[in-house]
Structures are given as C-alpha cells and as structure tokens.
Amino acid sequence: MPIRLKKLIGTILLVALVIIYALIASAIAVTRLAEYGSMAHFLFFLLSGLLWVLPAMGIIKWLILESPQKD
C-alpha cells in the first residue's frame, strides 16, 4: 500500500475514532452520571479521556509499520 494512502486512511480513522468516542463518552455521562456527584464525574472523564489512547495507539502503530517490499 502506498504510504500516502496509508497516512490518509490512518488520519481518517483517528479523526473518526476521536469523534465517535467523544460522542459515546458524552452520551454515557449524560445518561448514567446525572445522579452522581462531582467526584464520579471527575473520575469518569479522567478515565474516559485517557482510554481513547489505546485504540489510537493501535492505529498509529499500523501507520508506522512498513509493508513488506515485493521484489
């Protein structure tokens, strides 16, 4: 796969991941955390703010891996 195409796909995947993850995390916060205190909100947003990094690392790792060269 050409490197430019791979970077384009990776960029689109990362942007989509962030948008979808933020919408899901916000929806969970609105529906589930309404009756809890500020400490629960803080912990939820702290953990959910860090958790998106795991799938993003997978996408970035895929981006930097070189595909085998054909001779």
C-alpha atoms as a PDB file:
ATOM      1  CA  MET A   1       0.000   0.000   0.000  1.00  0.00           C
ATOM      2  CA  PRO A   2       1.423   3.423  -0.889  1.00  0.00           C
ATOM      3  CA  ILE A   3       2.486   5.413   2.170  1.00  0.00           C
ATOM      4  CA  ARG A   4       0.328   8.409   1.226  1.00  0.00           C
ATOM      5  CA  LEU A   5      -2.801   6.284   1.036  1.00  0.00           C
ATOM      6  CA  LYS A   6      -1.926   4.610   4.327  1.00  0.00           C
ATOM      7  CA  LYS A   7      -1.478   8.003   6.030  1.00  0.00           C
ATOM      8  CA  LEU A   8      -4.770   9.246   4.600  1.00  0.00           C
ATOM      9  CA  ILE A   9      -6.631   6.172   5.869  1.00  0.00           C
ATOM     10  CA  GLY A  10      -4.924   6.436   9.261  1.00  0.00           C
ATOM     11  CA  THR A  11      -5.784  10.110   9.592  1.00  0.00           C
ATOM     12  CA  ILE A  12      -9.427   9.497   8.739  1.00  0.00           C
ATOM     13  CA  LEU A  13      -9.552   6.594  11.210  1.00  0.00           C
ATOM     14  CA  LEU A  14      -8.031   8.696  14.004  1.00  0.00           C
ATOM     15  CA  VAL A  15     -10.429  11.598  13.451  1.00  0.00           C
ATOM     16  CA  ALA A  16     -13.400   9.228  13.294  1.00  0.00           C
ATOM     17  CA  LEU A  17     -12.214   7.472  16.470  1.00  0.00           C
ATOM     18  CA  VAL A  18     -11.994  10.723  18.410  1.00  0.00           C
ATOM     19  CA  ILE A  19     -15.397  11.965  17.245  1.00  0.00           C
ATOM     20  CA  ILE A  20     -17.233   8.686  17.827  1.00  0.00           C
ATOM     21  CA  TYR A  21     -15.505   8.076  21.154  1.00  0.00           C
ATOM     22  CA  ALA A  22     -16.330  11.586  22.393  1.00  0.00           C
ATOM     23  CA  LEU A  23     -19.986  11.193  21.419  1.00  0.00           C
ATOM     24  CA  ILE A  24     -20.254   7.818  23.149  1.00  0.00           C
ATOM     25  CA  ALA A  25     -18.455   9.017  26.295  1.00  0.00           C
ATOM     26  CA  SER A  26     -20.669  12.118  26.469  1.00  0.00           C
ATOM     27  CA  ALA A  27     -23.827  10.072  25.965  1.00  0.00           C
ATOM     28  CA  ILE A  28     -22.810   7.700  28.759  1.00  0.00           C
ATOM     29  CA  ALA A  29     -22.009  10.633  31.025  1.00  0.00           C
ATOM     30  CA  VAL A  30     -25.354  12.299  30.394  1.00  0.00           C
ATOM     31  CA  THR A  31     -27.446   9.165  30.834  1.00  0.00           C
ATOM     32  CA  ARG A  32     -25.574   7.419  33.662  1.00  0.00           C
ATOM     33  CA  LEU A  33     -23.887  10.124  35.740  1.00  0.00           C
ATOM     34  CA  ALA A  34     -26.755  12.550  36.252  1.00  0.00           C
ATOM     35  CA  GLU A  35     -27.456  11.458  39.827  1.00  0.00           C
ATOM     36  CA  TYR A  36     -23.821  11.079  40.955  1.00  0.00           C
ATOM     37  CA  GLY A  37     -21.567  13.696  42.499  1.00  0.00           C
ATOM     38  CA  SER A  38     -18.762  15.729  41.066  1.00  0.00           C
ATOM     39  CA  MET A  39     -16.094  13.188  42.084  1.00  0.00           C
ATOM     40  CA  ALA A  40     -17.759  10.487  39.963  1.00  0.00           C
ATOM     41  CA  HIS A  41     -17.880  12.913  37.030  1.00  0.00           C
ATOM     42  CA  PHE A  42     -14.218  13.737  37.502  1.00  0.00           C
ATOM     43  CA  LEU A  43     -13.180  10.077  37.621  1.00  0.00           C
ATOM     44  CA  PHE A  44     -15.335   9.142  34.636  1.00  0.00           C
ATOM     45  CA  PHE A  45     -13.973  11.912  32.439  1.00  0.00           C
ATOM     46  CA  LEU A  46     -10.420  11.262  33.622  1.00  0.00           C
ATOM     47  CA  LEU A  47     -10.619   7.583  32.706  1.00  0.00           C
ATOM     48  CA  SER A  48     -12.594   8.061  29.511  1.00  0.00           C
ATOM     49  CA  GLY A  49     -10.245  10.868  28.490  1.00  0.00           C
ATOM     50  CA  LEU A  50      -7.291   8.517  28.755  1.00  0.00           C
ATOM     51  CA  LEU A  51      -8.942   5.368  27.425  1.00  0.00           C
ATOM     52  CA  TRP A  52      -9.211   6.531  23.794  1.00  0.00           C
ATOM     53  CA  VAL A  53      -5.415   6.456  23.598  1.00  0.00           C
ATOM     54  CA  LEU A  54      -5.363   2.637  23.455  1.00  0.00           C
ATOM     55  CA  PRO A  55      -7.153   2.256  20.100  1.00  0.00           C
ATOM     56  CA  ALA A  56      -5.336   5.337  18.792  1.00  0.00           C
ATOM     57  CA  MET A  57      -2.011   3.661  19.596  1.00  0.00           C
ATOM     58  CA  GLY A  58      -3.087   0.665  17.521  1.00  0.00           C
ATOM     59  CA  ILE A  59      -3.864   2.884  14.543  1.00  0.00           C
ATOM     60  CA  ILE A  60      -0.576   4.757  14.896  1.00  0.00           C
ATOM     61  CA  LYS A  61       1.354   1.500  15.202  1.00  0.00           C
ATOM     62  CA  TRP A  62      -0.282   0.302  11.978  1.00  0.00           C
ATOM     63  CA  LEU A  63       0.727   3.580  10.329  1.00  0.00           C
ATOM     64  CA  ILE A  64       4.399   3.252  11.174  1.00  0.00           C
ATOM     65  CA  LEU A  65       4.735  -0.427  10.252  1.00  0.00           C
ATOM     66  CA  GLU A  66       6.318  -0.845   6.878  1.00  0.00           C
ATOM     67  CA  SER A  67       4.701  -3.220   4.451  1.00  0.00           C
ATOM     68  CA  PRO A  68       6.945  -5.950   3.037  1.00  0.00           C
ATOM     69  CA  GLN A  69       8.616  -4.957  -0.209  1.00  0.00           C
ATOM     70  CA  LYS A  70       7.917  -7.030  -3.304  1.00  0.00           C
ATOM     71  CA  ASP A  71      10.915  -7.868  -5.445  1.00  0.00           C
END
